[in-house]
Protein backbone atom coordinates (compact mmCIF):
# COMPACT_ATOMS: atom_id res chain seq x y z
CA MET A 1 -23.33 -44.07 7.61
CA ASN A 2 -20.70 -45.05 5.42
CA PRO A 3 -17.28 -43.20 5.24
CA THR A 4 -17.51 -41.97 1.78
CA THR A 5 -20.80 -40.18 2.48
CA ARG A 6 -19.29 -39.08 5.62
CA VAL A 7 -16.02 -37.63 4.29
CA LEU A 8 -18.62 -35.53 1.47
CA GLY A 9 -20.93 -34.59 4.24
CA VAL A 10 -18.10 -32.99 6.18
CA ALA A 11 -16.84 -31.11 2.99
CA LEU A 12 -19.81 -30.18 2.18
CA LEU A 13 -20.53 -28.58 5.54
CA LEU A 14 -16.77 -26.95 5.70
CA ALA A 15 -17.26 -25.35 1.86
CA ALA A 16 -20.64 -24.05 3.43
CA LEU A 17 -19.25 -22.53 6.00
CA THR A 18 -16.42 -21.21 4.54
CA GLY A 19 -18.97 -19.25 1.83
CA CYS A 20 -20.66 -17.75 5.14
CA ARG A 21 -17.20 -16.22 5.95
CA SER A 22 -17.38 -12.36 5.76
CA MET A 23 -14.96 -11.03 3.03
CA PRO A 24 -13.65 -7.59 3.31
CA GLU A 25 -15.67 -5.35 2.12
CA PRO A 26 -13.87 -3.22 -1.05
CA MET A 27 -11.65 -0.50 -0.22
CA PRO A 28 -12.91 2.48 -1.76
CA THR A 29 -10.65 4.41 -3.85
CA VAL A 30 -10.07 8.24 -4.51
CA ASP A 31 -12.40 9.69 -7.76
CA TYR A 32 -9.44 10.60 -10.00
CA VAL A 33 -5.53 10.50 -9.93
CA ASP A 34 -3.85 12.74 -12.46
CA LEU A 35 -1.24 10.58 -12.83
CA PRO A 36 1.42 12.24 -14.84
CA ARG A 37 0.83 14.71 -11.49
CA PHE A 38 1.26 11.67 -8.89
CA MET A 39 4.53 10.78 -9.88
CA GLY A 40 7.74 11.65 -8.65
CA ASP A 41 9.53 10.96 -4.97
CA TRP A 42 6.77 10.20 -2.10
CA TYR A 43 8.49 9.69 1.58
CA VAL A 44 6.45 7.02 3.14
CA ILE A 45 5.63 8.22 6.62
CA ALA A 46 4.05 4.88 8.55
CA ASN A 47 2.65 1.75 7.10
CA ILE A 48 1.91 -1.96 7.68
CA PRO A 49 5.60 -3.34 7.17
CA THR A 50 5.60 -6.14 4.64
CA ARG A 51 8.27 -8.69 5.31
CA ILE A 52 11.02 -6.48 3.33
CA GLU A 53 9.82 -3.28 5.15
CA ARG A 54 10.59 -4.36 8.65
CA GLY A 55 12.68 -1.71 10.34
CA ALA A 56 13.01 0.35 6.82
CA HIS A 57 14.42 3.73 7.45
CA ASN A 58 14.98 6.82 5.20
CA ALA A 59 12.11 5.00 2.92
CA VAL A 60 11.03 6.57 -0.36
CA GLU A 61 8.45 5.32 -3.31
CA THR A 62 9.64 6.86 -6.49
CA TYR A 63 7.56 6.50 -9.56
CA ARG A 64 7.56 6.75 -13.45
CA LEU A 65 4.78 6.61 -16.57
CA ASP A 66 6.76 5.39 -19.25
CA ASP A 67 5.53 5.21 -22.45
CA ASP A 68 3.61 2.45 -21.97
CA GLY A 69 1.12 3.50 -19.26
CA SER A 70 2.89 1.48 -16.58
CA ILE A 71 4.52 2.71 -13.75
CA ALA A 72 8.34 1.80 -13.08
CA THR A 73 8.70 1.90 -9.54
CA THR A 74 11.69 2.47 -7.40
CA PHE A 75 11.12 1.80 -3.67
CA THR A 76 14.22 2.33 -1.58
CA PHE A 77 15.33 2.78 1.99
CA ASN A 78 18.27 2.01 5.02
CA ALA A 79 18.24 -1.51 6.41
CA GLY A 80 17.66 -1.51 9.94
CA GLY A 81 18.61 1.91 10.92
CA PHE A 82 19.70 5.04 9.38
CA ASP A 83 23.12 4.03 8.60
CA GLY A 84 22.63 0.69 7.41
CA PRO A 85 23.13 -0.84 4.29
CA ARG A 86 20.53 1.19 1.38
CA LYS A 87 17.99 -1.45 -0.82
CA GLU A 88 16.46 -0.90 -3.61
CA TYR A 89 13.43 -3.02 -5.36
CA ASN A 90 12.02 -2.15 -8.63
CA PRO A 91 8.10 -3.29 -8.69
CA ARG A 92 6.04 -2.32 -11.84
CA GLY A 93 2.51 -0.73 -11.45
CA PHE A 94 0.04 -1.21 -14.01
CA VAL A 95 -3.47 1.18 -14.06
CA ARG A 96 -6.26 -1.30 -13.67
CA ASP A 97 -9.08 0.66 -13.68
CA THR A 98 -8.19 3.57 -16.08
CA LYS A 99 -11.53 5.84 -15.41
CA THR A 100 -9.99 6.35 -12.08
CA ASN A 101 -6.42 5.70 -12.18
CA ALA A 102 -7.05 4.71 -8.90
CA THR A 103 -7.15 1.11 -8.67
CA TRP A 104 -3.44 -0.33 -9.56
CA GLY A 105 -1.99 -3.56 -9.63
CA MET A 106 2.07 -3.51 -8.27
CA GLN A 107 3.96 -6.31 -9.91
CA PHE A 108 7.24 -7.78 -7.97
CA ILE A 109 7.29 -11.16 -9.21
CA TRP A 110 5.98 -12.09 -12.93
CA PRO A 111 2.92 -12.83 -13.09
CA ILE A 112 1.44 -11.57 -9.50
CA LYS A 113 0.19 -8.25 -9.38
CA ALA A 114 -0.63 -7.14 -5.91
CA GLU A 115 -3.78 -5.27 -5.40
CA TYR A 116 -2.56 -1.15 -4.59
CA LEU A 117 -5.33 1.15 -4.10
CA VAL A 118 -5.16 4.93 -4.02
CA VAL A 119 -7.75 5.37 -0.85
CA TYR A 120 -6.81 9.02 -0.18
CA LEU A 121 -4.67 11.97 -1.93
CA ASP A 122 -4.91 15.65 -1.02
CA GLU A 123 -5.90 18.13 -3.49
CA ASN A 124 -2.42 19.72 -3.86
CA TYR A 125 -1.04 15.56 -4.55
CA THR A 126 1.38 16.23 -1.32
CA GLN A 127 -0.38 13.27 0.85
CA THR A 128 -1.62 10.30 0.00
CA VAL A 129 -2.46 6.62 1.20
CA ILE A 130 -2.50 3.69 -0.31
CA GLY A 131 -4.47 0.67 0.79
CA ARG A 132 -5.32 -2.51 0.09
CA SER A 133 -9.37 -4.81 0.33
CA ALA A 134 -7.40 -7.05 2.76
CA ARG A 135 -6.39 -4.34 4.90
CA ASP A 136 -2.96 -6.39 5.71
CA TYR A 137 -1.01 -3.54 4.11
CA VAL A 138 -1.14 0.18 4.15
CA TRP A 139 1.48 2.74 2.83
CA VAL A 140 0.78 6.44 4.33
CA MET A 141 3.10 8.87 1.83
CA ALA A 142 4.28 12.48 1.93
CA ARG A 143 6.09 14.70 -0.97
CA THR A 144 8.54 15.57 2.12
CA PRO A 145 10.01 13.50 4.82
CA GLN A 146 7.43 14.48 7.69
CA ILE A 147 4.09 15.73 8.02
CA PRO A 148 2.21 17.66 10.67
CA GLU A 149 1.16 15.74 13.26
CA ALA A 150 -2.36 16.93 12.77
CA ASP A 151 -2.64 15.90 9.32
CA TYR A 152 -1.21 12.15 10.74
CA GLN A 153 -4.08 12.12 13.16
CA ALA A 154 -6.51 12.73 10.66
CA ILE A 155 -5.35 9.57 8.40
CA LEU A 156 -5.08 7.48 10.86
CA ARG A 157 -8.91 8.25 11.55
CA ARG A 158 -9.51 7.76 8.33
CA LEU A 159 -7.30 3.99 8.43
CA GLY A 160 -9.61 3.04 11.41
CA GLU A 161 -12.51 4.15 9.25
CA LEU A 162 -11.53 1.89 6.24
CA GLY A 163 -11.58 -0.81 8.56
CA TYR A 164 -8.07 -1.12 9.31
CA ASP A 165 -5.96 -2.20 12.98
CA LEU A 166 -4.53 0.58 13.88
CA SER A 167 -2.29 -1.00 16.42
CA LYS A 168 0.01 -2.35 13.22
CA VAL A 169 0.79 0.86 11.58
CA GLN A 170 3.93 1.98 12.42
CA ARG A 171 5.75 5.22 11.66
CA VAL A 172 9.13 4.87 9.36
CA PRO A 173 11.87 7.05 10.48
CA GLN A 174 12.92 9.50 8.26
CA ARG A 175 15.88 11.53 8.66
CA TRP A 176 17.38 13.45 5.82
CA SER A 177 20.14 15.48 6.48
CA PRO A 178 20.07 18.16 4.32
CA THR A 179 16.68 17.67 4.00
CA PRO A 180 16.34 16.43 0.26
CA ALA A 181 14.95 18.67 -2.66
CA ASN A 182 11.61 17.68 -4.69
C-alpha cells in the first residue's frame, strides 16, 4: 500500500469513527417563557462555572427586554469573595425560538452566540435553570438570594436526569445585607 493510500485510508477511518461518536441528546426546554415576566434580577444559586465565574460571590444576572426584541443582560458578581472587586459583564441575548421563547443565543463577543436554554422555570417565575445541550455549563437561578433546600435538591435531581455531571455543580455564595429588594 503506497503512503498516499495509507493516509487516505486512515483519514476515512477516523472520519467514520468520529461520525459514530454519540452526540448529546438535545436539551429539552420549557414549553413557553413569558419574556416580560422573565425580565429582571435573577440570583445565581448554583452553576457549573465558566472561566470568568470561578470564585464568584453575590452573582446576579439581570435581563431587560429591548424594543428590538433582544435582551440586554448585566451579569455582576464579586470576584474571589464577598469583599472582592465587583465585576460586570454585558452580553446580549437573542431569542432564537419565538414560539417558546426558551431558546436563546447569548452573545458575549460578536459574532458568537452561545446556546442558552431555559430548561426549567417554575410557574411563579421565581426559580429557573439555564442549560446547554453540551451539558458543560448550567445556571440555577432564583429571584431571591437563597432557595429552600428541598427545591435545590429537586433541581439537582432534574439536572441529573438531563445528563449533567452533578459533581461539577457548585453553589454560588450569596450574602446580602440587608437582603436586596426585587
